Amino acid sequence: SGRLGHGCDDSCAFPTLVAALEPKFVVGIAAGAAHSVALTEDHEIYSWGSGSFGQLGHGSGSDEILPRQMQLTALPGVTVMAVAAGESFSCVLRSDGSLVSFGRLTHGRMAEGSAKKDAHEFLLEALSRQSGSDWHHFPD
């Protein structure tokens, strides 16, 4: 619920501004099956929609009908460079080359153990397949 970020559960037949992010300059966006993640030029991360598996990164399984800023702990000077999302998980690439992933762990989608490749290699492969019009799919 709230996957459009408009503050309600209604569908929209026409493109509608996500007003809560209007004062921000969004430089990256990713969409999962029922959630979205946005990155601003100030390296802030906002997420909204279904949080049932923790894919919003707020430390709970709650849904968010409006974009809510995610709090990531990092060393001084480390910033967020990119965001990506899958069906029920999200990933954040940071400027020190580290990868943060959260959400549902099934079918090796979060690069856990031997179920998937090394996390960094996995993200690099996923990012290499992205284009300006397709910024949300991870390789199978």
Protein backbone atom coordinates (compact mmCIF):
# COMPACT_ATOMS: atom_id res chain seq x y z
CA SER A 1 0.00 0.00 0.00
CA GLY A 2 1.17 3.54 -0.69
CA ARG A 3 3.50 2.39 -3.45
CA LEU A 4 2.99 5.62 -5.44
CA GLY A 5 4.07 7.85 -2.56
CA HIS A 6 1.09 10.19 -2.79
CA GLY A 7 -0.10 9.67 0.77
CA CYS A 8 -3.01 7.40 -0.10
CA ASP A 9 -3.78 3.97 -1.52
CA ASP A 10 -5.55 5.26 -4.63
CA SER A 11 -4.43 4.41 -8.15
CA CYS A 12 -3.49 7.30 -10.47
CA ALA A 13 -4.32 7.13 -14.18
CA PHE A 14 -2.15 10.17 -14.94
CA PRO A 15 1.42 11.07 -13.95
CA THR A 16 1.24 12.79 -10.57
CA LEU A 17 4.01 14.62 -8.72
CA VAL A 18 5.29 12.93 -5.54
CA ALA A 19 4.78 16.13 -3.58
CA ALA A 20 6.73 15.01 -0.51
CA LEU A 21 9.91 14.95 -2.63
CA GLU A 22 9.24 18.24 -4.45
CA PRO A 23 11.78 20.23 -2.40
CA LYS A 24 14.44 17.56 -3.14
CA PHE A 25 16.49 17.05 -6.31
CA VAL A 26 16.08 13.34 -7.04
CA VAL A 27 18.99 11.80 -8.98
CA GLY A 28 18.10 8.10 -8.74
CA ILE A 29 14.99 6.00 -8.43
CA ALA A 30 14.34 2.28 -8.14
CA ALA A 31 11.11 0.30 -7.91
CA GLY A 32 10.39 -3.13 -6.53
CA ALA A 33 7.13 -5.03 -6.85
CA ALA A 34 5.37 -2.82 -4.27
CA HIS A 35 7.95 -0.31 -3.02
CA SER A 36 10.14 2.49 -4.32
CA VAL A 37 13.49 3.97 -3.30
CA ALA A 38 14.79 7.42 -4.29
CA LEU A 39 18.26 8.97 -4.00
CA THR A 40 18.71 12.75 -3.80
CA GLU A 41 21.64 14.91 -4.88
CA ASP A 42 22.40 15.37 -1.16
CA HIS A 43 22.89 11.56 -0.92
CA GLU A 44 19.70 11.08 1.10
CA ILE A 45 17.60 7.96 0.58
CA TYR A 46 13.81 7.95 0.72
CA SER A 47 11.61 4.87 0.50
CA TRP A 48 7.88 4.18 0.47
CA GLY A 49 5.30 1.51 -0.31
CA SER A 50 5.17 -2.01 1.10
CA GLY A 51 7.64 -2.67 3.89
CA SER A 52 6.41 -6.15 4.78
CA PHE A 53 9.89 -7.72 4.47
CA GLY A 54 11.94 -4.74 5.68
CA GLN A 55 12.72 -3.63 2.11
CA LEU A 56 12.11 0.04 3.01
CA GLY A 57 15.11 0.03 5.35
CA HIS A 58 13.36 1.61 8.33
CA GLY A 59 13.92 -1.31 10.68
CA SER A 60 10.33 -2.54 10.64
CA GLY A 61 7.82 -4.28 8.41
CA SER A 62 5.53 -1.25 8.23
CA ASP A 63 4.22 0.24 5.01
CA GLU A 64 4.84 3.90 4.21
CA ILE A 65 2.33 5.85 2.09
CA LEU A 66 4.68 8.85 1.82
CA PRO A 67 8.43 8.92 1.13
CA ARG A 68 10.32 8.53 4.41
CA GLN A 69 14.02 9.24 4.79
CA MET A 70 16.13 6.19 5.49
CA GLN A 71 18.88 6.47 8.08
CA LEU A 72 22.06 4.61 7.11
CA THR A 73 25.05 4.53 9.42
CA ALA A 74 28.36 5.09 7.65
CA LEU A 75 31.85 6.34 8.30
CA PRO A 76 32.41 10.09 7.95
CA GLY A 77 32.71 11.05 4.30
CA VAL A 78 30.97 7.91 3.01
CA THR A 79 27.94 8.78 0.90
CA VAL A 80 25.29 6.90 -1.05
CA MET A 81 26.06 6.59 -4.76
CA ALA A 82 23.22 4.44 -6.11
CA VAL A 83 20.04 2.63 -5.12
CA ALA A 84 18.46 -0.47 -6.62
CA ALA A 85 15.39 -2.54 -5.80
CA GLY A 86 14.05 -5.98 -6.52
CA GLU A 87 10.73 -7.61 -5.79
CA SER A 88 11.02 -7.43 -1.98
CA PHE A 89 14.51 -6.10 -1.29
CA SER A 90 16.63 -3.00 -1.79
CA CYS A 91 20.35 -2.33 -2.18
CA VAL A 92 22.47 0.76 -1.60
CA LEU A 93 25.94 1.26 -3.09
CA ARG A 94 28.15 3.59 -1.03
CA SER A 95 31.13 5.70 -2.07
CA ASP A 96 33.59 3.44 -0.26
CA GLY A 97 32.52 0.55 -2.49
CA SER A 98 30.45 -1.13 0.21
CA LEU A 99 27.02 -2.56 -0.47
CA VAL A 100 24.10 -2.48 1.95
CA SER A 101 21.15 -4.78 1.25
CA PHE A 102 17.92 -5.32 3.15
CA GLY A 103 14.54 -6.95 2.73
CA ARG A 104 13.44 -10.45 1.86
CA LEU A 105 16.14 -13.06 1.46
CA THR A 106 14.91 -15.71 -0.95
CA HIS A 107 16.46 -17.35 -3.98
CA GLY A 108 19.83 -15.71 -3.23
CA ARG A 109 18.52 -12.30 -4.19
CA MET A 110 20.60 -10.47 -1.60
CA ALA A 111 23.82 -12.25 -2.54
CA GLU A 112 23.88 -14.21 0.70
CA GLY A 113 26.46 -16.99 0.94
CA SER A 114 26.77 -19.44 -1.89
CA ALA A 115 23.24 -18.80 -3.13
CA LYS A 116 24.55 -15.93 -5.26
CA LYS A 117 27.83 -14.40 -6.35
CA ASP A 118 29.95 -12.09 -4.26
CA ALA A 119 27.75 -9.13 -3.28
CA HIS A 120 29.97 -6.54 -4.94
CA GLU A 121 30.21 -8.53 -8.17
CA PHE A 122 26.44 -9.08 -8.05
CA LEU A 123 25.70 -5.36 -7.75
CA LEU A 124 28.20 -4.45 -10.49
CA GLU A 125 26.54 -6.98 -12.80
CA ALA A 126 23.09 -5.60 -11.94
CA LEU A 127 24.17 -2.00 -12.49
CA SER A 128 25.82 -2.86 -15.82
CA ARG A 129 22.45 -4.11 -17.10
CA GLN A 130 20.61 -0.94 -16.17
CA SER A 131 19.61 1.74 -18.62
CA GLY A 132 17.93 5.10 -18.23
CA SER A 133 14.53 3.49 -18.70
CA ASP A 134 15.15 0.28 -16.73
CA TRP A 135 16.68 0.99 -13.32
CA HIS A 136 15.07 -1.64 -11.16
CA HIS A 137 15.86 -5.15 -12.32
CA PHE A 138 18.48 -7.45 -10.89
CA PRO A 139 19.89 -10.36 -12.87
CA ASP A 140 18.34 -13.75 -12.18
